[in-house]
Amino acid sequence: MDNLSPDQAQALWDAGGFLVLTDLPPGSEFGVDGTFHLTRRLSGIKFVPPGLHMITWSASPSAGQSSQSSNTDDTVSGDHAKLVAAGPAAIPIRSALLRIWNPRERVILSYDRQTESVPLPASSPSSISSSSSEEPAQAISEDHLRTLDPEMAAYPWDGFPRWNGLTNLITRDVLSGVLGNGRVDAMTPVEGEMDEAAGKGATRSAVPQVGTTEAGGTEGGGGGDGGAETASALAHTEERPMKFAQFELKRSWAEGAVGEQVTKWSRDKSWLLGHVVTEQLEGDATVLVAQLQLAFVLLLYLSSWSALQAYKRVLTLLCQSPSFLTSPAEFLHPNSDTSTKAPTTPSTANTSTQASGLRLARSSPSPTSSQQLVVKTYMSLLEVLSAQLGALPAGAFETELPEMDVFYLDQLESLRKGLVGGMESSIPWSDEDKEGVRAAWGGLGAVARKEWGWDLGELQGAAEASDEEEEEGEYAPVVVEM
């Protein structure tokens, strides 16, 4: 950005969005899309592209102390804000706002030093799902915005591909369905899992510090000029838990199942996967993959223990469902009771091309249409896992995420067997589908080998009977009296 010509800088100024953040104490940690800095003087971020962005902050525990250090690289000079990369354990708790920017949108936030928070607009339970605030907006003038320019950092474009790969399926409705107003911090719980966490003796302070990773970028969003949200329209909102899809992996069979049915579906989660997709996600299995993406970035950039648990549950459900890959139409029941469905319909304003066209029709799914749903969903899953394994910091499995490598290897082996079985099912996959899935698996294997030294094997040979293996570990089935 330092090498931009005046014409290039003006073009970015005219086309890009802005985040104005006032009153953040010197020495605080501030981040956007996975790039973190320690600030001395910072008034926000300029040239923000349309799409999903994650703004993070953590105020200095001793305001001014960090800025008084002997390191002078964080001073502001010339025409650009100078920032210093923060250490992974410099500040323990991070807060974040995840929001989808419209083109040229200007968002104004203010840090409240008394409550140590950044209040959100009181007008909407989900400012992330609307293009403008219902409250009267006090627009920031062009002249005032230009006076802040020396203290505004440019959006970190170098990380665009990584951020996009980590978030490209997250739509407006996925975001609002899980996070509501988009506000979250490292200790926000997941709805329905607090009892489980308490039973294991976990505390909300036991947060894995996953580290500081550079990542930036976005996916294109909706159209129209965005209005400004101002401090005069801000108010505190009550913390709400994150609302990922809810299900119990240890009871993965239908109500009333007995004997062999309980045994089969306790090992093979296909019935549960179909039930979740139908009853909570309106037949769109891609929403589950999008939730996996959202849980991962919350884990990676907020070090959220609750997001880690949600991530493991969703990935287990997707990987431990071999029959769903073989005969998905048997597990998708669009005509069943929809009274408990969650409102997670993707918005056309920020729906990626990969997610489009996957919604299941309300009529009974044909084998061909349900098979296409499976192929596209699992193609997306393989691409998402490739991006995630490439984004984890070096040494993560030895320090911040012990035994997570074992979890990954177990789930990926189950997924490999399921994909082989799906390709050899009684409803043959097209050669194009097989080639695409094999290519995506090969890409995942290459990342796993390069980053972690794993050999994931190939998608070839006869289908493997995964249901002959006893499931062990955290999500092993339990014997219940019927």
Protein backbone atom coordinates (compact mmCIF):
# COMPACT_ATOMS: atom_id res chain seq x y z
CA MET A 1 0.00 0.00 0.00
CA ASP A 2 2.97 2.36 0.53
CA ASN A 3 3.74 2.21 -3.22
CA LEU A 4 0.32 3.31 -4.45
CA SER A 5 0.15 6.16 -6.89
CA PRO A 6 -2.15 9.08 -6.00
CA ASP A 7 -4.67 7.88 -8.59
CA GLN A 8 -4.64 4.32 -7.19
CA ALA A 9 -5.05 5.59 -3.63
CA GLN A 10 -7.96 7.79 -4.68
CA ALA A 11 -9.64 4.88 -6.48
CA LEU A 12 -9.37 2.72 -3.35
CA TRP A 13 -10.66 5.59 -1.22
CA ASP A 14 -13.70 6.03 -3.45
CA ALA A 15 -14.51 2.30 -3.74
CA GLY A 16 -13.52 0.85 -0.38
CA GLY A 17 -15.27 0.70 2.96
CA PHE A 18 -14.05 2.12 6.25
CA LEU A 19 -14.06 1.09 9.90
CA VAL A 20 -13.63 3.98 12.31
CA LEU A 21 -12.83 2.79 15.84
CA THR A 22 -12.33 5.48 18.45
CA ASP A 23 -11.05 5.53 22.05
CA LEU A 24 -9.15 2.22 21.93
CA PRO A 25 -6.39 2.64 24.57
CA PRO A 26 -2.77 2.78 23.38
CA GLY A 27 -1.01 -0.57 23.59
CA SER A 28 -4.21 -2.48 22.84
CA GLU A 29 -4.36 -5.40 20.46
CA PHE A 30 -6.39 -4.85 17.30
CA GLY A 31 -6.99 -7.17 14.38
CA VAL A 32 -8.85 -7.61 11.13
CA ASP A 33 -9.43 -10.95 9.42
CA GLY A 34 -6.74 -12.74 11.40
CA THR A 35 -3.99 -10.12 11.22
CA PHE A 36 -3.18 -8.77 14.69
CA HIS A 37 -1.26 -5.70 15.81
CA LEU A 38 -0.34 -3.72 18.89
CA THR A 39 -1.48 -0.15 18.42
CA ARG A 40 -0.17 3.18 19.57
CA ARG A 41 -2.52 5.45 17.68
CA LEU A 42 -5.13 3.87 15.47
CA SER A 43 -8.39 5.32 14.23
CA GLY A 44 -9.49 2.34 12.15
CA ILE A 45 -9.09 0.49 8.85
CA LYS A 46 -9.47 1.95 5.36
CA PHE A 47 -10.11 0.35 1.97
CA VAL A 48 -12.26 -2.44 3.47
CA PRO A 49 -13.61 -4.58 0.59
CA PRO A 50 -17.19 -5.87 0.51
CA GLY A 51 -17.86 -9.15 2.30
CA LEU A 52 -17.37 -10.84 5.64
CA HIS A 53 -14.81 -9.37 8.02
CA MET A 54 -13.75 -10.18 11.56
CA ILE A 55 -12.74 -7.18 13.67
CA THR A 56 -10.99 -8.13 16.91
CA TRP A 57 -9.77 -6.11 19.84
CA SER A 58 -8.36 -6.56 23.32
CA ALA A 59 -7.61 -3.46 25.34
CA SER A 60 -4.27 -3.14 27.06
CA PRO A 61 -4.53 -4.25 30.71
CA SER A 62 -2.44 -1.21 31.55
CA ALA A 63 -3.35 1.51 29.09
CA GLY A 64 -0.31 3.38 27.97
CA GLN A 65 2.21 0.94 29.45
CA SER A 66 2.74 -0.93 26.19
CA SER A 67 2.96 2.27 24.21
CA GLN A 68 5.68 3.59 26.53
CA SER A 69 8.00 0.68 25.71
CA SER A 70 11.37 1.21 24.08
CA ASN A 71 10.13 -0.18 20.77
CA THR A 72 9.45 2.83 18.56
CA ASP A 73 8.31 0.97 15.45
CA ASP A 74 4.68 1.42 16.38
CA THR A 75 4.68 5.19 16.03
CA VAL A 76 2.60 6.95 13.43
CA SER A 77 4.58 8.74 10.75
CA GLY A 78 4.03 9.92 7.20
CA ASP A 79 0.72 9.13 5.58
CA HIS A 80 0.08 5.68 7.05
CA ALA A 81 -0.60 4.19 10.47
CA LYS A 82 2.33 2.08 11.65
CA LEU A 83 1.46 -1.13 13.48
CA VAL A 84 3.47 -3.80 15.28
CA ALA A 85 2.51 -7.48 15.21
CA ALA A 86 1.31 -8.70 18.59
CA GLY A 87 2.63 -11.72 20.41
CA PRO A 88 0.28 -14.72 20.80
CA ALA A 89 0.01 -14.46 24.57
CA ALA A 90 0.35 -10.69 24.93
CA ILE A 91 -3.31 -10.18 25.87
CA PRO A 92 -5.37 -13.17 27.06
CA ILE A 93 -8.98 -12.41 26.03
CA ARG A 94 -10.09 -11.22 22.62
CA SER A 95 -13.46 -9.86 21.57
CA ALA A 96 -14.71 -9.67 18.02
CA LEU A 97 -17.37 -8.36 15.70
CA LEU A 98 -18.10 -10.41 12.59
CA ARG A 99 -19.94 -8.40 10.01
CA ILE A 100 -20.62 -8.39 6.26
CA TRP A 101 -19.58 -5.09 4.72
CA ASN A 102 -21.50 -3.58 1.82
CA PRO A 103 -19.60 -1.69 -0.89
CA ARG A 104 -18.30 1.68 0.37
CA GLU A 105 -19.84 1.10 3.79
CA ARG A 106 -18.56 3.19 6.69
CA VAL A 107 -18.95 1.73 10.14
CA ILE A 108 -18.24 3.86 13.20
CA LEU A 109 -17.61 2.19 16.55
CA SER A 110 -16.31 3.48 19.86
CA TYR A 111 -14.52 1.64 22.66
CA ASP A 112 -16.19 2.17 26.04
CA ARG A 113 -13.42 2.29 28.64
CA GLN A 114 -15.82 1.95 31.56
CA THR A 115 -17.28 -1.35 30.38
CA GLU A 116 -14.16 -2.37 28.39
CA SER A 117 -16.32 -3.20 25.40
CA VAL A 118 -17.40 -1.95 21.99
CA PRO A 119 -21.19 -1.51 22.17
CA LEU A 120 -23.26 -2.39 19.12
CA PRO A 121 -26.24 -0.62 17.57
CA ALA A 122 -29.35 -1.02 19.71
CA SER A 123 -31.58 -0.89 16.65
CA SER A 124 -31.08 -4.40 15.36
CA PRO A 125 -30.54 -7.81 16.91
CA SER A 126 -28.50 -8.46 13.79
CA SER A 127 -26.80 -5.46 12.30
CA ILE A 128 -24.85 -7.94 10.21
CA SER A 129 -27.97 -8.93 8.30
CA SER A 130 -29.15 -5.46 7.29
CA SER A 131 -27.56 -2.95 4.99
CA SER A 132 -28.45 0.04 7.11
CA SER A 133 -29.39 0.88 10.67
CA GLU A 134 -32.95 1.64 11.66
CA GLU A 135 -31.61 4.36 13.98
CA PRO A 136 -30.90 7.80 12.52
CA ALA A 137 -27.34 7.61 11.23
CA GLN A 138 -24.89 10.45 11.82
CA ALA A 139 -22.81 10.08 8.67
CA ILE A 140 -19.13 10.92 8.95
CA SER A 141 -18.15 13.70 6.61
CA GLU A 142 -15.61 13.17 3.87
CA ASP A 143 -13.43 15.94 5.30
CA HIS A 144 -13.43 14.43 8.79
CA LEU A 145 -12.64 11.00 7.40
CA ARG A 146 -9.63 12.43 5.58
CA THR A 147 -8.32 13.98 8.79
CA LEU A 148 -8.23 10.47 10.26
CA ASP A 149 -6.36 9.04 7.27
CA PRO A 150 -2.84 9.23 8.82
CA GLU A 151 -4.06 7.12 11.75
CA MET A 152 -5.90 4.52 9.66
CA ALA A 153 -4.23 1.29 8.62
CA ALA A 154 -4.86 -0.11 5.16
CA TYR A 155 -6.77 -3.36 4.88
CA PRO A 156 -4.25 -6.30 4.82
CA TRP A 157 -4.71 -7.46 1.23
CA ASP A 158 -1.80 -9.89 1.38
CA GLY A 159 -3.95 -12.32 3.36
CA PHE A 160 -6.97 -12.18 1.02
CA PRO A 161 -6.67 -15.76 -0.34
CA ARG A 162 -6.34 -17.32 3.10
CA TRP A 163 -9.26 -15.45 4.66
CA ASN A 164 -11.44 -16.17 1.66
CA GLY A 165 -10.62 -19.88 1.80
CA LEU A 166 -11.52 -19.98 5.48
CA THR A 167 -14.85 -18.15 5.20
CA ASN A 168 -16.22 -18.41 1.64
CA LEU A 169 -19.34 -20.41 2.61
CA ILE A 170 -20.41 -18.22 5.55
CA THR A 171 -23.55 -16.35 4.48
CA ARG A 172 -25.45 -13.57 6.22
CA ASP A 173 -27.99 -16.02 7.61
CA VAL A 174 -25.38 -18.52 8.79
CA LEU A 175 -23.64 -15.67 10.59
CA SER A 176 -26.78 -14.25 12.22
CA GLY A 177 -28.09 -17.73 13.01
CA VAL A 178 -24.98 -18.62 15.00
CA LEU A 179 -23.88 -15.25 16.40
CA GLY A 180 -26.98 -13.08 16.33
CA ASN A 181 -25.61 -9.53 16.32
CA GLY A 182 -22.13 -10.72 15.35
CA ARG A 183 -20.61 -9.99 18.76
CA VAL A 184 -18.52 -12.76 20.33
CA ASP A 185 -15.51 -13.20 22.57
CA ALA A 186 -13.16 -15.99 23.60
CA MET A 187 -15.45 -17.08 26.43
CA THR A 188 -18.85 -16.99 24.72
CA PRO A 189 -20.48 -20.41 25.28
CA VAL A 190 -22.32 -22.56 22.76
CA GLU A 191 -26.02 -23.09 23.43
CA GLY A 192 -26.73 -26.60 24.66
CA GLU A 193 -23.14 -27.41 25.56
CA MET A 194 -22.63 -25.61 28.84
CA ASP A 195 -23.71 -28.61 30.90
CA GLU A 196 -21.31 -30.82 28.96
CA ALA A 197 -18.45 -28.41 29.60
CA ALA A 198 -19.28 -28.20 33.31
CA GLY A 199 -19.40 -31.98 33.55
CA LYS A 200 -15.84 -32.19 32.29
CA GLY A 201 -14.64 -29.63 34.79
CA ALA A 202 -13.75 -27.13 32.09
CA THR A 203 -13.60 -23.48 33.01
CA ARG A 204 -14.17 -20.54 30.76
CA SER A 205 -10.64 -19.37 31.50
CA ALA A 206 -9.19 -22.58 30.07
CA VAL A 207 -8.95 -21.18 26.58
CA PRO A 208 -6.41 -22.64 24.13
CA GLN A 209 -4.16 -19.87 22.82
CA VAL A 210 -3.97 -20.83 19.18
CA GLY A 211 -1.59 -18.02 18.32
CA THR A 212 -1.33 -15.02 16.09
CA THR A 213 -1.71 -15.89 12.45
CA GLU A 214 -1.63 -13.47 9.54
CA ALA A 215 -4.72 -13.85 7.40
CA GLY A 216 -6.76 -11.30 5.53
CA GLY A 217 -9.21 -11.11 2.70
CA THR A 218 -12.88 -11.38 1.89
CA GLU A 219 -15.60 -12.64 -0.33
CA GLY A 220 -17.79 -10.28 -2.34
CA GLY A 221 -21.02 -9.19 -0.71
CA GLY A 222 -24.21 -7.31 -1.46
CA GLY A 223 -24.67 -4.14 -3.40
CA GLY A 224 -25.50 -0.59 -2.52
CA ASP A 225 -23.78 2.11 -0.51
CA GLY A 226 -23.68 1.38 3.21
CA GLY A 227 -24.69 3.93 5.79
CA ALA A 228 -22.62 4.85 8.82
CA GLU A 229 -23.34 3.48 12.29
CA THR A 230 -22.43 5.95 14.99
CA ALA A 231 -21.65 6.11 18.65
CA SER A 232 -24.92 7.96 19.29
CA ALA A 233 -26.85 4.86 18.19
CA LEU A 234 -24.80 2.39 20.20
CA ALA A 235 -25.99 0.48 23.23
CA HIS A 236 -24.99 -2.59 25.14
CA THR A 237 -26.50 -5.92 24.16
CA GLU A 238 -26.84 -8.92 26.41
CA GLU A 239 -24.45 -11.72 25.69
CA ARG A 240 -26.12 -14.65 23.97
CA PRO A 241 -24.62 -18.07 23.40
CA MET A 242 -23.52 -19.20 19.96
CA LYS A 243 -26.18 -21.29 18.23
CA PHE A 244 -24.60 -23.97 16.09
CA ALA A 245 -26.69 -26.92 14.93
CA GLN A 246 -27.69 -28.90 18.02
CA PHE A 247 -27.41 -32.67 18.18
CA GLU A 248 -26.13 -35.43 20.46
CA LEU A 249 -23.49 -37.62 18.86
CA LYS A 250 -23.83 -40.26 21.58
CA ARG A 251 -27.52 -40.77 20.72
CA SER A 252 -27.44 -40.79 16.94
CA TRP A 253 -30.43 -43.06 16.23
CA ALA A 254 -34.11 -42.34 15.75
CA GLU A 255 -36.45 -42.24 18.70
CA GLY A 256 -37.94 -45.68 19.23
CA ALA A 257 -35.07 -47.54 17.55
CA VAL A 258 -34.18 -50.87 19.16
CA GLY A 259 -31.63 -53.64 18.85
CA GLU A 260 -29.71 -53.70 15.58
CA GLN A 261 -30.91 -50.22 14.62
CA VAL A 262 -29.40 -48.73 17.76
CA THR A 263 -26.16 -50.62 17.17
CA LYS A 264 -25.92 -49.60 13.52
CA TRP A 265 -26.75 -45.92 13.90
CA SER A 266 -24.64 -45.49 17.00
CA ARG A 267 -21.60 -46.24 14.83
CA ASP A 268 -22.84 -44.73 11.58
CA LYS A 269 -24.14 -41.17 12.15
CA SER A 270 -26.02 -41.01 8.83
CA TRP A 271 -29.50 -40.97 10.37
CA LEU A 272 -28.46 -38.13 12.67
CA LEU A 273 -26.86 -36.17 9.82
CA GLY A 274 -29.98 -36.45 7.69
CA HIS A 275 -32.15 -35.46 10.65
CA VAL A 276 -30.04 -32.36 11.39
CA VAL A 277 -29.94 -31.27 7.74
CA THR A 278 -33.70 -31.74 7.33
CA GLU A 279 -34.99 -30.45 10.66
CA GLN A 280 -32.55 -27.62 11.41
CA LEU A 281 -30.94 -26.58 8.12
CA GLU A 282 -33.90 -26.73 5.72
CA GLY A 283 -32.25 -29.41 3.63
CA ASP A 284 -29.08 -27.41 2.91
CA ALA A 285 -26.15 -29.56 4.02
CA THR A 286 -23.71 -26.83 3.01
CA VAL A 287 -24.85 -24.79 6.02
CA LEU A 288 -23.19 -27.41 8.22
CA VAL A 289 -19.90 -26.93 6.35
CA ALA A 290 -20.30 -23.15 6.72
CA GLN A 291 -20.79 -23.60 10.46
CA LEU A 292 -17.59 -25.64 10.47
CA GLN A 293 -15.81 -22.67 8.87
CA LEU A 294 -17.24 -20.24 11.40
CA ALA A 295 -16.27 -22.42 14.37
CA PHE A 296 -12.73 -22.73 13.00
CA VAL A 297 -12.06 -18.99 12.65
CA LEU A 298 -13.44 -18.42 16.15
CA LEU A 299 -11.08 -21.10 17.42
CA LEU A 300 -8.11 -19.86 15.41
CA TYR A 301 -8.42 -16.12 16.01
CA LEU A 302 -10.25 -15.92 19.36
CA SER A 303 -8.90 -19.13 20.94
CA SER A 304 -12.48 -20.10 21.79
CA TRP A 305 -12.77 -23.40 23.67
CA SER A 306 -16.52 -23.54 22.98
CA ALA A 307 -15.94 -23.10 19.25
CA LEU A 308 -13.42 -25.96 19.36
CA GLN A 309 -16.05 -28.29 20.85
CA ALA A 310 -18.62 -27.26 18.22
CA TYR A 311 -16.03 -27.74 15.48
CA LYS A 312 -15.21 -31.27 16.62
CA ARG A 313 -18.87 -32.25 16.83
CA VAL A 314 -19.74 -30.96 13.36
CA LEU A 315 -16.67 -32.53 11.74
CA THR A 316 -17.39 -35.85 13.44
CA LEU A 317 -20.98 -35.82 12.16
CA LEU A 318 -19.84 -35.16 8.58
CA CYS A 319 -17.03 -37.73 8.62
CA GLN A 320 -18.77 -40.55 10.49
CA SER A 321 -21.79 -40.88 8.17
CA PRO A 322 -20.80 -43.40 5.46
CA SER A 323 -24.36 -44.48 4.60
CA PHE A 324 -25.31 -40.86 3.93
CA LEU A 325 -22.63 -40.82 1.23
CA THR A 326 -23.90 -44.09 -0.24
CA SER A 327 -27.68 -43.50 -0.22
CA PRO A 328 -28.48 -39.95 0.94
CA ALA A 329 -32.11 -40.02 -0.23
CA GLU A 330 -32.90 -42.50 2.54
CA PHE A 331 -31.95 -39.95 5.21
CA LEU A 332 -33.45 -36.73 3.85
CA HIS A 333 -37.12 -36.28 4.72
CA PRO A 334 -38.28 -32.81 3.61
CA ASN A 335 -41.94 -33.53 4.38
CA SER A 336 -41.36 -34.12 8.08
CA ASP A 337 -42.37 -31.70 10.81
CA THR A 338 -40.47 -28.43 10.33
CA SER A 339 -41.57 -26.71 13.51
CA THR A 340 -38.07 -26.85 14.99
CA LYS A 341 -36.18 -25.61 11.93
CA ALA A 342 -33.61 -22.92 12.52
CA PRO A 343 -33.75 -19.81 10.32
CA THR A 344 -30.55 -20.40 8.40
CA THR A 345 -31.61 -19.70 4.80
CA PRO A 346 -28.56 -18.31 2.96
CA SER A 347 -28.83 -14.72 1.78
CA THR A 348 -28.32 -13.99 -1.87
CA ALA A 349 -26.32 -10.95 -0.81
CA ASN A 350 -23.36 -13.00 0.37
CA THR A 351 -23.86 -16.57 -0.83
CA SER A 352 -20.83 -18.10 -2.52
CA THR A 353 -21.14 -19.91 -5.83
CA GLN A 354 -20.18 -23.10 -4.05
CA ALA A 355 -23.15 -22.84 -1.71
CA SER A 356 -25.73 -21.92 -4.32
CA GLY A 357 -28.09 -24.47 -5.73
CA LEU A 358 -27.71 -26.96 -2.91
CA ARG A 359 -31.03 -26.42 -1.16
CA LEU A 360 -33.16 -29.55 -1.23
CA ALA A 361 -36.62 -29.24 -2.74
CA ARG A 362 -39.63 -29.70 -0.48
CA SER A 363 -40.76 -32.71 -2.48
CA SER A 364 -39.20 -36.08 -1.79
CA PRO A 365 -35.58 -36.00 -2.99
CA SER A 366 -34.71 -38.15 -5.96
CA PRO A 367 -31.61 -40.34 -5.71
CA THR A 368 -29.91 -38.21 -8.35
CA SER A 369 -30.63 -34.83 -6.71
CA SER A 370 -29.64 -36.04 -3.26
CA GLN A 371 -26.46 -37.54 -4.69
CA GLN A 372 -25.57 -34.18 -6.25
CA LEU A 373 -26.19 -32.56 -2.87
CA VAL A 374 -23.74 -34.99 -1.28
CA VAL A 375 -21.06 -34.56 -3.95
CA LYS A 376 -21.13 -30.77 -3.79
CA THR A 377 -21.29 -30.70 0.01
CA TYR A 378 -18.34 -33.03 0.45
CA MET A 379 -16.34 -31.31 -2.28
CA SER A 380 -16.79 -28.13 -0.25
CA LEU A 381 -15.81 -29.96 2.93
CA LEU A 382 -12.55 -31.21 1.40
CA GLU A 383 -11.65 -27.72 0.18
CA VAL A 384 -12.51 -26.24 3.58
CA LEU A 385 -10.36 -28.79 5.42
CA SER A 386 -7.45 -28.05 3.08
CA ALA A 387 -7.65 -24.35 3.94
CA GLN A 388 -7.95 -25.06 7.66
CA LEU A 389 -5.02 -27.46 7.89
CA GLY A 390 -2.93 -24.91 6.02
CA ALA A 391 -3.95 -22.09 8.37
CA LEU A 392 -3.06 -23.74 11.68
CA PRO A 393 0.17 -22.32 13.15
CA ALA A 394 3.26 -24.52 13.27
CA GLY A 395 3.45 -26.60 16.44
CA ALA A 396 -0.26 -26.19 17.22
CA PHE A 397 -0.71 -29.91 17.99
CA GLU A 398 2.18 -29.92 20.46
CA THR A 399 1.11 -26.81 22.35
CA GLU A 400 -2.31 -25.21 21.93
CA LEU A 401 -4.26 -28.20 20.54
CA PRO A 402 -2.85 -31.39 22.06
CA GLU A 403 -4.27 -34.61 20.58
CA MET A 404 -6.13 -32.65 17.90
CA ASP A 405 -3.86 -34.27 15.31
CA VAL A 406 -5.09 -37.69 16.41
CA PHE A 407 -8.68 -36.46 16.12
CA TYR A 408 -8.06 -35.15 12.61
CA LEU A 409 -6.42 -38.37 11.44
CA ASP A 410 -9.25 -40.51 12.81
CA GLN A 411 -11.94 -38.39 11.18
CA LEU A 412 -10.13 -38.11 7.85
CA GLU A 413 -9.66 -41.87 7.66
CA SER A 414 -13.38 -42.35 8.30
CA LEU A 415 -14.12 -39.74 5.65
CA ARG A 416 -11.83 -41.48 3.15
CA LYS A 417 -13.66 -44.78 3.64
CA GLY A 418 -17.03 -43.08 3.32
CA LEU A 419 -16.06 -41.36 0.07
CA VAL A 420 -14.78 -44.63 -1.40
CA GLY A 421 -18.07 -46.29 -0.45
CA GLY A 422 -20.08 -43.43 -1.94
CA MET A 423 -18.28 -43.61 -5.27
CA GLU A 424 -18.94 -47.36 -5.44
CA SER A 425 -22.59 -47.17 -4.36
CA SER A 426 -25.50 -48.70 -6.26
CA ILE A 427 -26.20 -45.26 -7.73
CA PRO A 428 -22.93 -44.66 -9.59
CA TRP A 429 -21.30 -41.27 -9.36
CA SER A 430 -20.49 -39.68 -12.70
CA ASP A 431 -16.90 -39.81 -13.89
CA GLU A 432 -16.79 -36.04 -13.54
CA ASP A 433 -17.91 -36.22 -9.90
CA LYS A 434 -15.39 -38.94 -9.10
CA GLU A 435 -12.60 -36.99 -10.74
CA GLY A 436 -13.55 -33.83 -8.84
CA VAL A 437 -13.72 -35.56 -5.46
CA ARG A 438 -10.41 -37.36 -6.06
CA ALA A 439 -8.78 -34.06 -7.04
CA ALA A 440 -10.11 -32.36 -3.91
CA TRP A 441 -8.94 -35.27 -1.75
CA GLY A 442 -5.54 -35.08 -3.44
CA GLY A 443 -5.35 -31.38 -2.62
CA LEU A 444 -6.19 -32.08 1.01
CA GLY A 445 -3.59 -34.86 1.12
CA ALA A 446 -0.94 -32.54 -0.31
CA VAL A 447 -1.59 -29.91 2.36
CA ALA A 448 -1.62 -32.55 5.12
CA ARG A 449 1.68 -33.97 3.88
CA LYS A 450 3.39 -30.60 3.45
CA GLU A 451 2.23 -29.00 6.69
CA TRP A 452 2.04 -31.96 9.06
CA GLY A 453 3.74 -34.96 7.42
CA TRP A 454 0.50 -36.98 7.23
CA ASP A 455 -0.25 -39.63 4.63
CA LEU A 456 -4.01 -39.68 4.09
CA GLY A 457 -4.04 -42.47 1.51
CA GLU A 458 -5.91 -42.58 -1.79
CA LEU A 459 -9.56 -42.80 -2.81
CA GLN A 460 -9.34 -46.13 -4.58
CA GLY A 461 -10.09 -49.81 -4.07
CA ALA A 462 -13.16 -51.57 -2.74
CA ALA A 463 -15.37 -49.89 -0.19
CA GLU A 464 -14.20 -50.50 3.34
CA ALA A 465 -16.60 -51.74 5.97
CA SER A 466 -16.31 -48.97 8.48
CA ASP A 467 -19.34 -50.22 10.40
CA GLU A 468 -17.30 -53.22 11.56
CA GLU A 469 -15.14 -50.98 13.70
CA GLU A 470 -16.16 -50.03 17.20
CA GLU A 471 -16.30 -46.29 17.74
CA GLU A 472 -14.13 -45.20 20.62
CA GLY A 473 -13.22 -41.99 22.37
CA GLU A 474 -15.21 -38.93 23.37
CA TYR A 475 -18.22 -39.62 21.15
CA ALA A 476 -18.47 -43.39 21.63
CA PRO A 477 -22.08 -44.58 21.92
CA VAL A 478 -23.46 -45.35 25.35
CA VAL A 479 -25.74 -48.22 26.34
CA VAL A 480 -29.17 -47.01 27.39
CA GLU A 481 -32.18 -48.81 28.75
CA MET A 482 -35.11 -48.51 26.33
